[in-house]
Amino acid sequence: MANIKAKGKYAEVEILTDTYRMKGTLFLPLASEGGYNSRLSDFLNDPSKQFLPITNVTVEVLPDPAITWQTGFLAVNKRVVTMVRAIKEQVD
């Protein structure tokens, strides 16, 4: 089986909800492949996407950021998100 790699941009993001602060990597597919227009806002504003797929995630429990955990993948429901901040973006 061939190893196919999607083209797009990786955005290191910080996501806040009422109970968590998450930092990880969000993949944004290129528009030429039926993806997004390379902007984080395009991905966030797509009403057909209910979850944000984040990889390499560090989660802090609020209001006590001393309580943390890490995971390789986390799907965050956009309905609970109060803020998304792009920390760094990189084209693949």
N, C-alpha and C. Protein backbone atom coordinates (compact mmCIF):
# COMPACT_ATOMS: atom_id res chain seq x y z
N MET A 1 0.84 -1.18 0.00
CA MET A 1 0.00 0.00 0.00
C MET A 1 0.88 1.24 0.00
N ALA A 2 0.58 2.18 -0.86
CA ALA A 2 1.37 3.40 -0.98
C ALA A 2 1.10 4.34 0.19
N ASN A 3 2.15 5.04 0.60
CA ASN A 3 2.02 6.03 1.66
C ASN A 3 1.68 7.38 1.01
N ILE A 4 0.42 7.78 1.09
CA ILE A 4 -0.03 9.02 0.48
C ILE A 4 -0.09 10.10 1.55
N LYS A 5 0.54 11.22 1.26
CA LYS A 5 0.55 12.31 2.22
C LYS A 5 -0.26 13.48 1.67
N ALA A 6 -1.24 13.91 2.44
CA ALA A 6 -2.08 15.04 2.02
C ALA A 6 -1.26 16.32 2.04
N LYS A 7 -1.58 17.23 1.11
CA LYS A 7 -0.91 18.52 1.07
C LYS A 7 -1.75 19.53 1.81
N GLY A 8 -1.08 20.36 2.54
CA GLY A 8 -1.79 21.38 3.28
C GLY A 8 -0.86 22.12 4.22
N LYS A 9 -1.45 22.68 5.23
CA LYS A 9 -0.71 23.49 6.18
C LYS A 9 -0.97 22.96 7.58
N TYR A 10 0.07 22.98 8.40
CA TYR A 10 -0.07 22.63 9.80
C TYR A 10 -0.10 23.91 10.62
N ALA A 11 -1.02 24.00 11.54
CA ALA A 11 -1.10 25.16 12.41
C ALA A 11 -0.99 24.69 13.85
N GLU A 12 0.00 25.22 14.54
CA GLU A 12 0.10 24.97 15.98
C GLU A 12 -0.90 25.91 16.63
N VAL A 13 -1.84 25.37 17.39
CA VAL A 13 -2.92 26.17 17.93
C VAL A 13 -3.07 26.00 19.44
N GLU A 14 -3.66 27.01 20.03
CA GLU A 14 -4.11 26.95 21.42
C GLU A 14 -5.62 27.09 21.38
N ILE A 15 -6.31 26.16 22.03
CA ILE A 15 -7.77 26.16 22.04
C ILE A 15 -8.24 26.24 23.48
N LEU A 16 -9.17 27.15 23.73
CA LEU A 16 -9.74 27.29 25.07
C LEU A 16 -11.21 26.89 25.06
N THR A 17 -11.61 26.19 26.12
CA THR A 17 -13.02 25.94 26.40
C THR A 17 -13.24 26.46 27.82
N ASP A 18 -14.43 26.28 28.35
CA ASP A 18 -14.68 26.72 29.73
C ASP A 18 -13.87 25.92 30.74
N THR A 19 -13.48 24.70 30.39
CA THR A 19 -12.81 23.83 31.36
C THR A 19 -11.40 23.38 30.98
N TYR A 20 -10.96 23.64 29.73
CA TYR A 20 -9.65 23.16 29.29
C TYR A 20 -8.91 24.20 28.46
N ARG A 21 -7.57 24.12 28.50
CA ARG A 21 -6.70 24.83 27.56
C ARG A 21 -5.91 23.73 26.86
N MET A 22 -5.96 23.72 25.53
CA MET A 22 -5.30 22.69 24.75
C MET A 22 -4.32 23.33 23.78
N LYS A 23 -3.15 22.73 23.64
CA LYS A 23 -2.18 23.16 22.64
C LYS A 23 -1.81 21.93 21.82
N GLY A 24 -1.84 22.10 20.49
CA GLY A 24 -1.52 20.98 19.62
C GLY A 24 -1.44 21.45 18.18
N THR A 25 -1.48 20.47 17.26
CA THR A 25 -1.32 20.75 15.84
C THR A 25 -2.61 20.41 15.10
N LEU A 26 -3.07 21.35 14.28
CA LEU A 26 -4.26 21.19 13.46
C LEU A 26 -3.82 21.18 12.00
N PHE A 27 -4.26 20.18 11.21
CA PHE A 27 -3.91 20.10 9.79
C PHE A 27 -5.01 20.75 8.96
N LEU A 28 -4.61 21.66 8.06
CA LEU A 28 -5.54 22.36 7.17
C LEU A 28 -5.26 21.92 5.73
N PRO A 29 -6.12 21.08 5.13
CA PRO A 29 -5.90 20.63 3.75
C PRO A 29 -5.95 21.81 2.77
N LEU A 30 -5.23 21.68 1.65
CA LEU A 30 -5.26 22.73 0.62
C LEU A 30 -6.59 22.74 -0.10
N ALA A 31 -7.01 23.90 -0.56
CA ALA A 31 -8.29 24.06 -1.26
C ALA A 31 -8.31 23.28 -2.57
N SER A 32 -7.17 23.10 -3.21
CA SER A 32 -7.12 22.40 -4.49
C SER A 32 -7.53 20.94 -4.37
N GLU A 33 -7.53 20.40 -3.17
CA GLU A 33 -7.93 19.02 -2.95
C GLU A 33 -9.27 18.94 -2.23
N GLY A 34 -10.12 19.93 -2.42
CA GLY A 34 -11.41 19.94 -1.75
C GLY A 34 -11.30 20.34 -0.29
N GLY A 35 -10.18 20.96 0.04
CA GLY A 35 -9.95 21.36 1.41
C GLY A 35 -10.29 22.81 1.65
N TYR A 36 -9.47 23.47 2.40
CA TYR A 36 -9.74 24.83 2.82
C TYR A 36 -8.78 25.79 2.15
N ASN A 37 -9.11 27.06 2.21
CA ASN A 37 -8.32 28.11 1.59
C ASN A 37 -7.13 28.50 2.44
N SER A 38 -6.41 27.59 2.98
CA SER A 38 -5.17 27.80 3.72
C SER A 38 -5.27 28.77 4.89
N ARG A 39 -6.48 29.17 5.26
CA ARG A 39 -6.63 30.04 6.42
C ARG A 39 -7.30 29.26 7.54
N LEU A 40 -6.82 29.47 8.73
CA LEU A 40 -7.40 28.83 9.90
C LEU A 40 -8.87 29.21 10.03
N SER A 41 -9.21 30.46 9.75
CA SER A 41 -10.60 30.92 9.87
C SER A 41 -11.53 30.17 8.91
N ASP A 42 -11.05 29.82 7.71
CA ASP A 42 -11.88 29.06 6.77
C ASP A 42 -12.23 27.70 7.35
N PHE A 43 -11.27 27.06 7.96
CA PHE A 43 -11.50 25.75 8.58
C PHE A 43 -12.47 25.86 9.74
N LEU A 44 -12.27 26.87 10.58
CA LEU A 44 -13.13 27.04 11.76
C LEU A 44 -14.56 27.41 11.39
N ASN A 45 -14.74 28.16 10.30
CA ASN A 45 -16.06 28.62 9.90
C ASN A 45 -16.84 27.64 9.04
N ASP A 46 -16.26 26.50 8.68
CA ASP A 46 -16.96 25.52 7.86
C ASP A 46 -18.04 24.84 8.70
N PRO A 47 -19.33 25.08 8.38
CA PRO A 47 -20.41 24.51 9.20
C PRO A 47 -20.54 22.99 9.05
N SER A 48 -19.93 22.40 8.04
CA SER A 48 -20.02 20.94 7.87
C SER A 48 -19.03 20.19 8.76
N LYS A 49 -18.11 20.90 9.36
CA LYS A 49 -17.12 20.29 10.25
C LYS A 49 -17.49 20.58 11.69
N GLN A 50 -17.82 19.53 12.44
CA GLN A 50 -18.26 19.70 13.82
C GLN A 50 -17.11 19.60 14.82
N PHE A 51 -16.03 18.91 14.44
CA PHE A 51 -14.91 18.69 15.36
C PHE A 51 -13.61 19.23 14.79
N LEU A 52 -12.71 19.64 15.68
CA LEU A 52 -11.36 20.05 15.32
C LEU A 52 -10.43 18.89 15.64
N PRO A 53 -9.83 18.26 14.62
CA PRO A 53 -8.90 17.15 14.89
C PRO A 53 -7.51 17.69 15.22
N ILE A 54 -7.09 17.49 16.45
CA ILE A 54 -5.81 18.04 16.93
C ILE A 54 -4.88 16.87 17.25
N THR A 55 -3.61 16.98 16.85
CA THR A 55 -2.61 15.96 17.18
C THR A 55 -1.55 16.54 18.10
N ASN A 56 -0.80 15.64 18.76
CA ASN A 56 0.26 16.04 19.68
C ASN A 56 -0.23 17.08 20.68
N VAL A 57 -1.24 16.70 21.44
CA VAL A 57 -1.99 17.64 22.27
C VAL A 57 -1.53 17.60 23.74
N THR A 58 -1.39 18.79 24.31
CA THR A 58 -1.21 18.95 25.75
C THR A 58 -2.47 19.64 26.26
N VAL A 59 -3.09 19.04 27.29
CA VAL A 59 -4.33 19.56 27.84
C VAL A 59 -4.09 20.01 29.28
N GLU A 60 -4.51 21.23 29.59
CA GLU A 60 -4.47 21.75 30.96
C GLU A 60 -5.91 21.87 31.45
N VAL A 61 -6.16 21.43 32.66
CA VAL A 61 -7.48 21.54 33.25
C VAL A 61 -7.59 22.92 33.91
N LEU A 62 -8.66 23.63 33.60
CA LEU A 62 -8.87 24.96 34.19
C LEU A 62 -9.85 24.84 35.34
N PRO A 63 -9.68 25.53 36.40
CA PRO A 63 -8.77 26.66 36.60
C PRO A 63 -7.41 26.28 37.17
N ASP A 64 -7.07 24.99 37.26
CA ASP A 64 -5.79 24.56 37.84
C ASP A 64 -4.88 24.00 36.75
N PRO A 65 -4.06 24.85 36.09
CA PRO A 65 -3.21 24.39 35.00
C PRO A 65 -2.11 23.42 35.43
N ALA A 66 -1.98 23.17 36.74
CA ALA A 66 -1.01 22.19 37.20
C ALA A 66 -1.48 20.77 36.85
N ILE A 67 -2.78 20.61 36.62
CA ILE A 67 -3.32 19.32 36.21
C ILE A 67 -3.26 19.27 34.68
N THR A 68 -2.37 18.43 34.14
CA THR A 68 -2.20 18.34 32.69
C THR A 68 -2.14 16.87 32.26
N TRP A 69 -2.38 16.66 30.99
CA TRP A 69 -2.18 15.36 30.37
C TRP A 69 -1.91 15.55 28.89
N GLN A 70 -1.35 14.53 28.26
CA GLN A 70 -0.98 14.60 26.85
C GLN A 70 -1.57 13.41 26.11
N THR A 71 -1.84 13.63 24.82
CA THR A 71 -2.36 12.56 23.97
C THR A 71 -1.94 12.83 22.53
N GLY A 72 -1.88 11.79 21.74
CA GLY A 72 -1.50 11.92 20.33
C GLY A 72 -2.59 12.49 19.46
N PHE A 73 -3.86 12.29 19.85
CA PHE A 73 -4.99 12.77 19.06
C PHE A 73 -6.15 13.15 19.96
N LEU A 74 -6.83 14.23 19.59
CA LEU A 74 -8.01 14.67 20.31
C LEU A 74 -8.95 15.35 19.31
N ALA A 75 -10.22 14.97 19.33
CA ALA A 75 -11.24 15.63 18.51
C ALA A 75 -12.03 16.56 19.42
N VAL A 76 -11.95 17.85 19.15
CA VAL A 76 -12.59 18.86 20.00
C VAL A 76 -13.86 19.36 19.32
N ASN A 77 -14.99 19.25 20.00
CA ASN A 77 -16.25 19.72 19.46
C ASN A 77 -16.23 21.25 19.38
N LYS A 78 -16.49 21.80 18.19
CA LYS A 78 -16.44 23.25 18.00
C LYS A 78 -17.46 23.99 18.85
N ARG A 79 -18.54 23.33 19.26
CA ARG A 79 -19.57 23.99 20.07
C ARG A 79 -19.06 24.42 21.44
N VAL A 80 -18.03 23.74 21.97
CA VAL A 80 -17.55 24.08 23.30
C VAL A 80 -16.35 25.02 23.28
N VAL A 81 -15.85 25.34 22.10
CA VAL A 81 -14.66 26.19 21.96
C VAL A 81 -15.04 27.65 22.17
N THR A 82 -14.26 28.32 23.03
CA THR A 82 -14.47 29.74 23.26
C THR A 82 -13.42 30.60 22.55
N MET A 83 -12.23 30.01 22.26
CA MET A 83 -11.19 30.76 21.59
C MET A 83 -10.22 29.81 20.91
N VAL A 84 -9.74 30.20 19.72
CA VAL A 84 -8.66 29.48 19.02
C VAL A 84 -7.61 30.51 18.65
N ARG A 85 -6.38 30.21 19.01
CA ARG A 85 -5.27 31.11 18.69
C ARG A 85 -4.23 30.35 17.89
N ALA A 86 -3.84 30.89 16.74
CA ALA A 86 -2.75 30.30 15.96
C ALA A 86 -1.43 30.72 16.58
N ILE A 87 -0.64 29.74 16.95
CA ILE A 87 0.67 30.02 17.54
C ILE A 87 1.72 30.08 16.42
N LYS A 88 1.63 29.13 15.48
CA LYS A 88 2.59 29.05 14.40
C LYS A 88 1.95 28.27 13.25
N GLU A 89 2.18 28.71 12.01
CA GLU A 89 1.65 27.99 10.85
C GLU A 89 2.79 27.61 9.94
N GLN A 90 2.65 26.42 9.33
CA GLN A 90 3.70 25.89 8.47
C GLN A 90 3.08 25.20 7.28
N VAL A 91 3.54 25.51 6.08
CA VAL A 91 3.05 24.86 4.86
C VAL A 91 3.80 23.56 4.68
N ASP A 92 3.07 22.49 4.32
CA ASP A 92 3.69 21.19 4.08
C ASP A 92 3.98 21.02 2.61
